[in-house]
Amino acid sequence: MQLLTLEEKFLIQNGAILTAKEITGQPELWNNILKLLSKAADDIENFLQTAYAEADSIILTGAGTSAL
């Protein structure tokens, strides 16, 4: 099996198999997240309107991890 045009054996030997799997899974992951966000759009909008009314500033950040 190949991931990112590299053989699985090579990726395992070089400690890169998990990273390669993570990268190749991103398109499906983002499509799933889009579906979840679309379904929750009204709830997200209501939450943000409340947050905006109560805060001087809002900073949204990520931890660099996937949703898997």
C-alpha atoms as a PDB file:
ATOM      1  CA  MET A   1       0.000   0.000   0.000  1.00  0.00           C
ATOM      2  CA  GLN A   2       1.158   3.543  -0.700  1.00  0.00           C
ATOM      3  CA  LEU A   3       0.394   6.758   1.135  1.00  0.00           C
ATOM      4  CA  LEU A   4       1.546  10.095  -0.253  1.00  0.00           C
ATOM      5  CA  THR A   5       3.337   8.167  -3.042  1.00  0.00           C
ATOM      6  CA  LEU A   6       5.498   6.372  -0.440  1.00  0.00           C
ATOM      7  CA  GLU A   7       5.434   2.687   0.412  1.00  0.00           C
ATOM      8  CA  GLU A   8       3.876   1.781   3.739  1.00  0.00           C
ATOM      9  CA  LYS A   9       7.027  -0.133   4.772  1.00  0.00           C
ATOM     10  CA  PHE A  10       9.143   2.999   4.232  1.00  0.00           C
ATOM     11  CA  LEU A  11       6.729   5.137   6.248  1.00  0.00           C
ATOM     12  CA  ILE A  12       6.721   2.638   9.134  1.00  0.00           C
ATOM     13  CA  GLN A  13      10.512   2.362   9.130  1.00  0.00           C
ATOM     14  CA  ASN A  14      10.832   6.142   9.286  1.00  0.00           C
ATOM     15  CA  GLY A  15       8.152   6.684  11.924  1.00  0.00           C
ATOM     16  CA  ALA A  16       5.922   8.528   9.482  1.00  0.00           C
ATOM     17  CA  ILE A  17       2.969   6.167   9.001  1.00  0.00           C
ATOM     18  CA  LEU A  18       0.633   7.968  11.423  1.00  0.00           C
ATOM     19  CA  THR A  19       1.404  11.351   9.894  1.00  0.00           C
ATOM     20  CA  ALA A  20       0.840  10.010   6.378  1.00  0.00           C
ATOM     21  CA  LYS A  21      -2.494   8.491   7.408  1.00  0.00           C
ATOM     22  CA  GLU A  22      -3.491  11.757   9.066  1.00  0.00           C
ATOM     23  CA  ILE A  23      -2.668  13.769   5.955  1.00  0.00           C
ATOM     24  CA  THR A  24      -4.457  11.421   3.558  1.00  0.00           C
ATOM     25  CA  GLY A  25      -7.537  11.410   5.795  1.00  0.00           C
ATOM     26  CA  GLN A  26      -7.912  15.196   5.802  1.00  0.00           C
ATOM     27  CA  PRO A  27     -10.270  15.535   2.783  1.00  0.00           C
ATOM     28  CA  GLU A  28     -12.839  13.161   4.278  1.00  0.00           C
ATOM     29  CA  LEU A  29     -12.442  14.722   7.708  1.00  0.00           C
ATOM     30  CA  TRP A  30     -13.071  18.255   6.406  1.00  0.00           C
ATOM     31  CA  ASN A  31     -16.127  17.118   4.458  1.00  0.00           C
ATOM     32  CA  ASN A  32     -17.527  15.540   7.630  1.00  0.00           C
ATOM     33  CA  ILE A  33     -16.806  18.681   9.641  1.00  0.00           C
ATOM     34  CA  LEU A  34     -18.535  20.813   7.002  1.00  0.00           C
ATOM     35  CA  LYS A  35     -21.640  18.645   7.309  1.00  0.00           C
ATOM     36  CA  LEU A  36     -21.595  18.922  11.117  1.00  0.00           C
ATOM     37  CA  LEU A  37     -21.137  22.692  11.014  1.00  0.00           C
ATOM     38  CA  SER A  38     -23.911  23.075   8.455  1.00  0.00           C
ATOM     39  CA  LYS A  39     -26.316  21.140  10.667  1.00  0.00           C
ATOM     40  CA  ALA A  40     -25.346  23.235  13.691  1.00  0.00           C
ATOM     41  CA  ALA A  41     -25.300  26.620  11.890  1.00  0.00           C
ATOM     42  CA  ASP A  42     -28.258  28.100  13.787  1.00  0.00           C
ATOM     43  CA  ASP A  43     -26.892  27.014  17.174  1.00  0.00           C
ATOM     44  CA  ILE A  44     -23.448  28.384  16.309  1.00  0.00           C
ATOM     45  CA  GLU A  45     -24.957  31.696  15.178  1.00  0.00           C
ATOM     46  CA  ASN A  46     -26.950  32.022  18.404  1.00  0.00           C
ATOM     47  CA  PHE A  47     -23.897  31.215  20.504  1.00  0.00           C
ATOM     48  CA  LEU A  48     -21.734  33.755  18.681  1.00  0.00           C
ATOM     49  CA  GLN A  49     -24.351  36.506  18.924  1.00  0.00           C
ATOM     50  CA  THR A  50     -24.486  35.992  22.684  1.00  0.00           C
ATOM     51  CA  ALA A  51     -20.702  35.852  22.950  1.00  0.00           C
ATOM     52  CA  TYR A  52     -20.258  39.016  20.876  1.00  0.00           C
ATOM     53  CA  ALA A  53     -22.718  40.865  23.117  1.00  0.00           C
ATOM     54  CA  GLU A  54     -20.858  39.819  26.271  1.00  0.00           C
ATOM     55  CA  ALA A  55     -17.205  40.131  25.244  1.00  0.00           C
ATOM     56  CA  ASP A  56     -14.901  42.956  24.208  1.00  0.00           C
ATOM     57  CA  SER A  57     -12.928  40.592  22.002  1.00  0.00           C
ATOM     58  CA  ILE A  58     -13.013  36.943  21.003  1.00  0.00           C
ATOM     59  CA  ILE A  59     -10.011  34.910  19.927  1.00  0.00           C
ATOM     60  CA  LEU A  60     -10.670  31.575  18.230  1.00  0.00           C
ATOM     61  CA  THR A  61      -7.724  29.192  18.156  1.00  0.00           C
ATOM     62  CA  GLY A  62      -7.023  25.579  17.392  1.00  0.00           C
ATOM     63  CA  ALA A  63      -4.757  23.085  19.066  1.00  0.00           C
ATOM     64  CA  GLY A  64      -3.402  21.668  15.836  1.00  0.00           C
ATOM     65  CA  THR A  65      -5.137  18.343  16.270  1.00  0.00           C
ATOM     66  CA  SER A  66      -7.685  16.706  14.061  1.00  0.00           C
ATOM     67  CA  ALA A  67     -11.197  15.748  14.958  1.00  0.00           C
ATOM     68  CA  LEU A  68     -10.479  12.037  14.547  1.00  0.00           C
END
